Amino acid sequence: MNGRKVLERFPAGGPRGSWPAEEFAQARRQEGQAAEVVMDLASDAFLVVVGGADGVE
């Protein structure tokens, strides 16, 4: 994943209307981290990641 670090994993089958991965990532962004949510199709999970070549300025 290009040097990215996974902060947290969330199952893709969450309750309807619930976005725990997005909420976690938003909280990390408010702390100053460049967190984003990506989908890991192999494990059917949303990952909150930071860093990597495209995250470095």
C-alpha atoms as a PDB file:
ATOM      1  CA  MET A   1       0.000   0.000   0.000  1.00  0.00           C
ATOM      2  CA  ASN A   2       2.832   2.426  -0.822  1.00  0.00           C
ATOM      3  CA  GLY A   3       4.133   2.868   2.718  1.00  0.00           C
ATOM      4  CA  ARG A   4       0.732   3.643   4.174  1.00  0.00           C
ATOM      5  CA  LYS A   5      -0.091   2.728   7.748  1.00  0.00           C
ATOM      6  CA  VAL A   6      -3.452   1.169   8.620  1.00  0.00           C
ATOM      7  CA  LEU A   7      -4.865   2.821  11.732  1.00  0.00           C
ATOM      8  CA  GLU A   8      -8.083   0.825  12.012  1.00  0.00           C
ATOM      9  CA  ARG A   9     -10.232  -1.745  10.171  1.00  0.00           C
ATOM     10  CA  PHE A  10     -14.026  -1.725   9.986  1.00  0.00           C
ATOM     11  CA  PRO A  11     -16.236  -4.487   8.535  1.00  0.00           C
ATOM     12  CA  ALA A  12     -18.065  -3.446   5.379  1.00  0.00           C
ATOM     13  CA  GLY A  13     -21.365  -4.892   6.613  1.00  0.00           C
ATOM     14  CA  GLY A  14     -22.162  -2.222   9.193  1.00  0.00           C
ATOM     15  CA  PRO A  15     -25.693  -1.105  10.062  1.00  0.00           C
ATOM     16  CA  ARG A  16     -27.520   0.911   7.413  1.00  0.00           C
ATOM     17  CA  GLY A  17     -26.769   4.615   7.761  1.00  0.00           C
ATOM     18  CA  SER A  18     -23.712   3.974   9.940  1.00  0.00           C
ATOM     19  CA  TRP A  19     -20.287   5.126   8.703  1.00  0.00           C
ATOM     20  CA  PRO A  20     -17.837   4.194  11.502  1.00  0.00           C
ATOM     21  CA  ALA A  21     -14.759   4.253   9.235  1.00  0.00           C
ATOM     22  CA  GLU A  22     -15.585   7.740   7.946  1.00  0.00           C
ATOM     23  CA  GLU A  23     -16.279   8.983  11.472  1.00  0.00           C
ATOM     24  CA  PHE A  24     -12.964   7.560  12.723  1.00  0.00           C
ATOM     25  CA  ALA A  25     -11.070   9.116   9.801  1.00  0.00           C
ATOM     26  CA  GLN A  26     -12.730  12.494  10.374  1.00  0.00           C
ATOM     27  CA  ALA A  27     -11.686  12.435  14.028  1.00  0.00           C
ATOM     28  CA  ARG A  28      -8.078  11.700  12.964  1.00  0.00           C
ATOM     29  CA  ARG A  29      -8.193  14.577  10.443  1.00  0.00           C
ATOM     30  CA  GLN A  30      -9.352  16.906  13.208  1.00  0.00           C
ATOM     31  CA  GLU A  31      -6.224  15.820  15.114  1.00  0.00           C
ATOM     32  CA  GLY A  32      -4.070  16.830  12.133  1.00  0.00           C
ATOM     33  CA  GLN A  33      -3.488  13.445  10.488  1.00  0.00           C
ATOM     34  CA  ALA A  34      -4.159  13.036   6.773  1.00  0.00           C
ATOM     35  CA  ALA A  35      -6.419  10.012   7.261  1.00  0.00           C
ATOM     36  CA  GLU A  36      -8.476   8.525   4.460  1.00  0.00           C
ATOM     37  CA  VAL A  37     -10.794   5.553   4.060  1.00  0.00           C
ATOM     38  CA  VAL A  38     -10.049   2.855   1.490  1.00  0.00           C
ATOM     39  CA  MET A  39     -11.830  -0.399   0.708  1.00  0.00           C
ATOM     40  CA  ASP A  40      -9.950  -3.690   1.035  1.00  0.00           C
ATOM     41  CA  LEU A  41     -11.894  -5.980  -1.283  1.00  0.00           C
ATOM     42  CA  ALA A  42      -9.956  -9.090  -0.238  1.00  0.00           C
ATOM     43  CA  SER A  43     -11.097  -8.809   3.376  1.00  0.00           C
ATOM     44  CA  ASP A  44     -14.387  -6.966   2.690  1.00  0.00           C
ATOM     45  CA  ALA A  45     -13.401  -4.197   5.108  1.00  0.00           C
ATOM     46  CA  PHE A  46     -12.892  -0.456   5.149  1.00  0.00           C
ATOM     47  CA  LEU A  47      -9.420   0.630   6.231  1.00  0.00           C
ATOM     48  CA  VAL A  48      -8.489   4.003   7.701  1.00  0.00           C
ATOM     49  CA  VAL A  49      -4.965   4.755   6.458  1.00  0.00           C
ATOM     50  CA  VAL A  50      -2.378   7.534   6.756  1.00  0.00           C
ATOM     51  CA  GLY A  51       0.921   8.265   5.049  1.00  0.00           C
ATOM     52  CA  GLY A  52       2.351   6.953   1.827  1.00  0.00           C
ATOM     53  CA  ALA A  53       3.932   8.620  -1.183  1.00  0.00           C
ATOM     54  CA  ASP A  54       0.740  10.400  -2.201  1.00  0.00           C
ATOM     55  CA  GLY A  55       0.153  11.620   1.358  1.00  0.00           C
ATOM     56  CA  VAL A  56       3.543  13.322   1.768  1.00  0.00           C
ATOM     57  CA  GLU A  57       3.966  16.955   0.793  1.00  0.00           C
END
